[in-house]
Amino acid sequence: MAQFYGYSNRFKEYFKENSTLFEQTLLSEAVNVKDKIDEIMRVGNIDLVNNAHTLVMYIINGEDESLKKFAEQEGIAWATHSIDLSFKLEWVHSIRRTLWLFIEKYYKESEFEQMKDFFELETEINNRVDDFLNTFFIRYSVYKDSLIKSQQQLVENLSVQIIPINDSIFVLPLVGTMDTKRAEILQEKVLTKVSELRIATLILDLSGVAVMDRESIIELKKSIDGLNMMGCKTVITGLRKEIVREVMSAGLTFNYQTETLATLQQALSKYFLPQMD
């Protein structure tokens, strides 16, 4: 967008200066979503308003690769927490409408009237919003299908489903009750998969694990130690307070190479999504 008389930089400053008005306008456009913002934050640690600002900045700056990776991260987060997709659809369309209202206001104030450039700009912005939505829904569907397949296999034979995010980052989502038998199967399968796929970073998402006894925690720690010995960094997300209490009462600690984060989305933001300048 920089070809439009420095449009990108000037509009970016305009957008930042009017960020509060943008939020107010966006909330007035997103009629059904605005009352669900706190609930979505609580359930999935997804900050809709902040993410709207991030999306708009990627669009304004023409950061297509970052936009698509951001869409993939969002798709995984929404699939993980089974949040109603209708809210996401309304929210993104509201962002689109609000962004165009701001562009119209900016043009009127700057007396920018060259229609050819305007229509080229319209194509760029709408294409980027559509790319975000398409990438989001593709990643949502793929990850959701993987979660369902993982849960089905768990019920059938306690197998382990490791889901690729890219060539080096994989996610292992665990759900249900973790007992010693399952922890032993986990250890065998995961070590084999990490060796076969040469996984550099494994995100172990425990947000779906409701119960985990002391013996299974010990077995899980052995698995993590083994992964670190193989050069695979382990990131644990979603530890429930009940499991944390069990870890503390057992006097266990994970080694210094193992990182713990509150949510899967935080892990993806740190290891998958490039930070915006």
Protein backbone atom coordinates (compact mmCIF):
# COMPACT_ATOMS: atom_id res chain seq x y z
CA MET A 1 0.00 0.00 0.00
CA ALA A 2 3.00 2.33 0.23
CA GLN A 3 2.50 3.30 -3.43
CA PHE A 4 -0.61 5.28 -2.46
CA TYR A 5 1.25 8.51 -1.61
CA GLY A 6 2.70 7.06 1.56
CA TYR A 7 -0.74 5.76 2.47
CA SER A 8 0.52 2.98 4.73
CA ASN A 9 2.56 5.12 7.12
CA ARG A 10 0.14 8.06 7.20
CA PHE A 11 -2.93 5.92 7.74
CA LYS A 12 -1.12 3.82 10.36
CA GLU A 13 -0.49 6.95 12.41
CA TYR A 14 -4.08 8.06 11.83
CA PHE A 15 -5.33 4.67 12.99
CA LYS A 16 -3.17 4.73 16.13
CA GLU A 17 -4.29 8.23 17.02
CA ASN A 18 -7.93 7.18 16.73
CA SER A 19 -7.65 3.68 18.24
CA THR A 20 -10.26 4.38 20.93
CA LEU A 21 -12.76 5.55 18.33
CA PHE A 22 -11.96 2.45 16.26
CA GLU A 23 -12.80 0.20 19.21
CA GLN A 24 -16.04 2.05 19.92
CA THR A 25 -17.10 1.85 16.27
CA LEU A 26 -16.15 -1.82 16.06
CA LEU A 27 -18.21 -2.70 19.12
CA SER A 28 -21.20 -0.85 17.70
CA GLU A 29 -20.85 -2.86 14.48
CA ALA A 30 -20.41 -6.26 16.20
CA VAL A 31 -23.86 -6.38 17.79
CA ASN A 32 -23.87 -10.05 18.82
CA VAL A 33 -20.19 -10.39 19.67
CA LYS A 34 -19.68 -7.44 22.01
CA ASP A 35 -21.51 -9.16 24.88
CA LYS A 36 -19.38 -12.30 24.40
CA ILE A 37 -15.96 -10.62 24.55
CA ASP A 38 -15.37 -11.31 28.26
CA GLU A 39 -16.61 -14.89 27.95
CA ILE A 40 -14.34 -15.63 24.98
CA MET A 41 -11.42 -14.13 26.92
CA ARG A 42 -12.22 -16.32 29.92
CA VAL A 43 -12.73 -19.54 27.96
CA GLY A 44 -9.93 -19.27 25.43
CA ASN A 45 -7.71 -16.40 26.60
CA ILE A 46 -8.54 -14.74 23.26
CA ASP A 47 -8.46 -10.94 23.39
CA LEU A 48 -10.78 -10.00 20.53
CA VAL A 49 -10.22 -6.24 20.70
CA ASN A 50 -6.43 -6.45 20.84
CA ASN A 51 -6.43 -9.05 18.07
CA ALA A 52 -8.56 -6.71 15.94
CA HIS A 53 -5.83 -4.07 16.20
CA THR A 54 -3.20 -6.66 15.26
CA LEU A 55 -5.19 -7.78 12.21
CA VAL A 56 -5.73 -4.22 11.00
CA MET A 57 -2.02 -3.40 11.31
CA TYR A 58 -1.08 -6.48 9.28
CA ILE A 59 -3.58 -5.37 6.62
CA ILE A 60 -2.38 -1.76 6.57
CA ASN A 61 1.29 -2.77 6.40
CA GLY A 62 0.68 -5.42 3.74
CA GLU A 63 2.29 -8.12 5.91
CA ASP A 64 0.65 -11.02 4.11
CA GLU A 65 2.73 -13.85 5.59
CA SER A 66 2.29 -12.56 9.14
CA LEU A 67 -1.43 -12.14 8.49
CA LYS A 68 -1.78 -15.75 7.36
CA LYS A 69 0.20 -17.10 10.31
CA PHE A 70 -1.92 -14.98 12.64
CA ALA A 71 -5.03 -16.48 11.02
CA GLU A 72 -3.64 -20.00 11.55
CA GLN A 73 -2.92 -19.25 15.21
CA GLU A 74 -6.46 -17.94 15.67
CA GLY A 75 -7.90 -20.99 13.92
CA ILE A 76 -6.07 -23.33 16.29
CA ALA A 77 -7.16 -21.35 19.34
CA TRP A 78 -10.84 -21.31 18.36
CA ALA A 79 -10.78 -25.02 17.45
CA THR A 80 -9.10 -25.94 20.73
CA HIS A 81 -11.76 -24.23 22.83
CA SER A 82 -14.72 -25.01 20.51
CA ILE A 83 -15.86 -21.38 20.37
CA ASP A 84 -18.88 -20.67 18.15
CA LEU A 85 -17.60 -19.80 14.67
CA SER A 86 -20.51 -17.42 14.01
CA PHE A 87 -18.95 -14.99 16.50
CA LYS A 88 -15.63 -15.05 14.64
CA LEU A 89 -17.32 -14.49 11.30
CA GLU A 90 -19.34 -11.52 12.58
CA TRP A 91 -16.27 -10.08 14.32
CA VAL A 92 -14.06 -10.14 11.21
CA HIS A 93 -16.78 -8.68 9.00
CA SER A 94 -17.27 -5.94 11.62
CA ILE A 95 -13.53 -5.23 11.49
CA ARG A 96 -13.78 -4.93 7.71
CA ARG A 97 -16.70 -2.49 7.89
CA THR A 98 -15.05 -0.42 10.62
CA LEU A 99 -11.78 -0.24 8.72
CA TRP A 100 -13.60 1.06 5.64
CA LEU A 101 -15.42 3.68 7.72
CA PHE A 102 -12.03 4.88 8.95
CA ILE A 103 -10.57 4.93 5.45
CA GLU A 104 -13.52 6.97 4.23
CA LYS A 105 -13.03 9.42 7.10
CA TYR A 106 -9.31 9.61 6.41
CA TYR A 107 -9.87 10.30 2.71
CA LYS A 108 -12.36 13.08 3.44
CA GLU A 109 -9.97 14.77 5.82
CA SER A 110 -7.00 14.44 3.45
CA GLU A 111 -9.01 15.30 0.32
CA PHE A 112 -7.74 12.21 -1.44
CA GLU A 113 -9.92 11.80 -4.52
CA GLN A 114 -8.03 9.72 -7.12
CA MET A 115 -10.52 6.93 -7.81
CA LYS A 116 -8.11 4.60 -9.62
CA ASP A 117 -5.89 4.40 -6.56
CA PHE A 118 -8.92 4.02 -4.33
CA PHE A 119 -10.21 0.95 -6.20
CA GLU A 120 -6.75 -0.63 -6.18
CA LEU A 121 -6.65 -0.04 -2.43
CA GLU A 122 -10.11 -1.54 -2.03
CA THR A 123 -8.96 -4.69 -3.81
CA GLU A 124 -5.86 -5.00 -1.60
CA ILE A 125 -7.71 -4.59 1.68
CA ASN A 126 -10.63 -6.86 0.83
CA ASN A 127 -8.28 -9.53 -0.49
CA ARG A 128 -6.29 -9.47 2.76
CA VAL A 129 -9.40 -9.76 4.92
CA ASP A 130 -10.60 -12.64 2.74
CA ASP A 131 -7.18 -14.30 2.98
CA PHE A 132 -7.38 -14.06 6.76
CA LEU A 133 -10.83 -15.64 6.84
CA ASN A 134 -9.92 -18.39 4.38
CA THR A 135 -6.72 -19.28 6.23
CA PHE A 136 -8.49 -19.14 9.59
CA PHE A 137 -11.25 -21.54 8.53
CA ILE A 138 -8.84 -23.93 6.80
CA ARG A 139 -6.60 -24.14 9.87
CA TYR A 140 -9.63 -24.36 12.17
CA SER A 141 -11.05 -27.28 10.18
CA VAL A 142 -7.75 -29.14 9.88
CA TYR A 143 -6.88 -28.73 13.55
CA LYS A 144 -10.42 -29.54 14.69
CA ASP A 145 -10.41 -32.70 12.59
CA SER A 146 -7.05 -33.65 14.10
CA LEU A 147 -8.42 -33.11 17.61
CA ILE A 148 -11.46 -35.26 16.87
CA LYS A 149 -9.28 -37.98 15.34
CA SER A 150 -6.94 -37.82 18.33
CA GLN A 151 -9.83 -38.20 20.77
CA GLN A 152 -11.32 -41.08 18.77
CA GLN A 153 -8.01 -42.90 18.70
CA LEU A 154 -7.58 -42.28 22.42
CA VAL A 155 -10.90 -43.96 23.11
CA GLU A 156 -10.08 -46.87 20.81
CA ASN A 157 -6.48 -47.70 21.66
CA LEU A 158 -4.92 -44.89 23.71
CA SER A 159 -2.75 -43.87 20.76
CA VAL A 160 -0.94 -40.52 20.58
CA GLN A 161 -1.79 -37.94 17.91
CA ILE A 162 0.89 -35.31 17.31
CA ILE A 163 -0.35 -32.43 15.16
CA PRO A 164 2.12 -30.49 12.96
CA ILE A 165 2.02 -26.70 12.99
CA ASN A 166 5.00 -26.43 10.66
CA ASP A 167 8.07 -28.55 9.88
CA SER A 168 9.63 -28.18 13.33
CA ILE A 169 6.77 -27.27 15.72
CA PHE A 170 4.19 -29.86 16.74
CA VAL A 171 1.32 -29.90 19.23
CA LEU A 172 0.32 -32.86 21.37
CA PRO A 173 -3.15 -32.17 22.82
CA LEU A 174 -4.17 -34.48 25.67
CA VAL A 175 -7.72 -34.83 26.93
CA GLY A 176 -9.48 -36.75 29.66
CA THR A 177 -7.87 -38.64 32.52
CA MET A 178 -4.14 -39.35 32.52
CA ASP A 179 -3.29 -42.60 34.33
CA THR A 180 -0.03 -44.53 34.55
CA LYS A 181 -0.84 -46.83 31.64
CA ARG A 182 -1.61 -43.93 29.35
CA ALA A 183 1.51 -42.06 30.49
CA GLU A 184 3.64 -45.11 29.60
CA ILE A 185 2.06 -45.30 26.14
CA LEU A 186 2.60 -41.57 25.77
CA GLN A 187 6.29 -41.95 26.58
CA GLU A 188 6.86 -44.73 24.04
CA LYS A 189 4.89 -43.11 21.22
CA VAL A 190 6.16 -39.55 21.68
CA LEU A 191 9.83 -40.45 21.85
CA THR A 192 9.42 -42.48 18.65
CA LYS A 193 7.56 -39.67 16.85
CA VAL A 194 10.06 -37.02 17.88
CA SER A 195 12.89 -39.17 16.57
CA GLU A 196 11.10 -39.97 13.29
CA LEU A 197 9.91 -36.43 12.55
CA ARG A 198 12.94 -34.61 14.01
CA ILE A 199 10.67 -32.36 16.04
CA ALA A 200 12.46 -29.29 17.41
CA THR A 201 9.64 -27.97 19.61
CA LEU A 202 6.77 -29.99 21.08
CA ILE A 203 3.91 -28.08 22.68
CA LEU A 204 2.23 -30.39 25.19
CA ASP A 205 -1.26 -28.97 25.75
CA LEU A 206 -2.78 -30.27 28.99
CA SER A 207 -5.78 -27.92 29.09
CA GLY A 208 -8.07 -30.88 28.36
CA VAL A 209 -6.65 -33.10 31.11
CA ALA A 210 -8.95 -33.02 34.11
CA VAL A 211 -7.27 -35.64 36.33
CA MET A 212 -3.63 -36.72 36.63
CA ASP A 213 -2.31 -38.83 39.49
CA ARG A 214 1.16 -38.69 41.01
CA GLU A 215 2.48 -41.76 39.20
CA SER A 216 1.41 -40.47 35.80
CA ILE A 217 3.02 -37.08 36.55
CA ILE A 218 6.28 -38.88 37.31
CA GLU A 219 6.04 -40.80 34.01
CA LEU A 220 5.26 -37.57 32.14
CA LYS A 221 8.33 -35.93 33.66
CA LYS A 222 10.46 -38.85 32.48
CA SER A 223 9.08 -38.40 28.97
CA ILE A 224 9.89 -34.69 29.00
CA ASP A 225 13.41 -35.35 30.27
CA GLY A 226 13.86 -37.87 27.45
CA LEU A 227 12.66 -35.37 24.86
CA ASN A 228 15.10 -32.76 26.12
CA MET A 229 17.92 -35.29 25.87
CA MET A 230 16.95 -35.75 22.20
CA GLY A 231 17.22 -32.00 21.57
CA CYS A 232 13.49 -31.38 21.51
CA LYS A 233 12.30 -28.38 23.50
CA THR A 234 9.11 -29.09 25.43
CA VAL A 235 6.55 -26.39 26.17
CA ILE A 236 3.72 -27.30 28.56
CA THR A 237 0.48 -25.34 28.34
CA GLY A 238 -2.85 -25.39 30.16
CA LEU A 239 -1.81 -26.94 33.47
CA ARG A 240 -4.87 -26.99 35.74
CA LYS A 241 -4.50 -25.97 39.37
CA GLU A 242 -5.38 -29.49 40.56
CA ILE A 243 -2.46 -30.94 38.60
CA VAL A 244 -0.13 -28.17 39.79
CA ARG A 245 -1.04 -29.02 43.39
CA GLU A 246 -0.23 -32.69 42.73
CA VAL A 247 3.12 -31.76 41.21
CA MET A 248 3.98 -29.57 44.19
CA SER A 249 2.87 -32.12 46.78
CA ALA A 250 5.04 -34.74 45.06
CA GLY A 251 8.03 -32.41 45.27
CA LEU A 252 8.58 -32.61 41.50
CA THR A 253 10.08 -29.93 39.27
CA PHE A 254 10.54 -29.84 35.52
CA ASN A 255 14.08 -29.27 34.28
CA TYR A 256 15.23 -25.81 33.24
CA GLN A 257 14.83 -26.59 29.52
CA THR A 258 11.07 -27.12 29.91
CA GLU A 259 8.88 -24.04 29.62
CA THR A 260 5.36 -23.67 30.98
CA LEU A 261 2.83 -21.21 29.58
CA ALA A 262 -0.78 -20.56 30.54
CA THR A 263 -2.39 -21.32 27.18
CA LEU A 264 -1.75 -22.94 23.82
CA GLN A 265 -2.34 -19.57 22.17
CA GLN A 266 0.53 -18.01 24.14
CA ALA A 267 2.85 -20.81 23.02
CA LEU A 268 1.85 -20.36 19.38
CA SER A 269 2.35 -16.61 19.64
CA LYS A 270 5.86 -17.10 20.99
CA TYR A 271 7.09 -19.95 18.83
CA PHE A 272 5.01 -19.75 15.66
CA LEU A 273 3.72 -16.24 15.05
CA PRO A 274 6.45 -13.66 14.28
CA GLN A 275 6.29 -10.63 16.49
CA MET A 276 4.98 -7.48 14.83
CA ASP A 277 7.35 -4.53 14.78
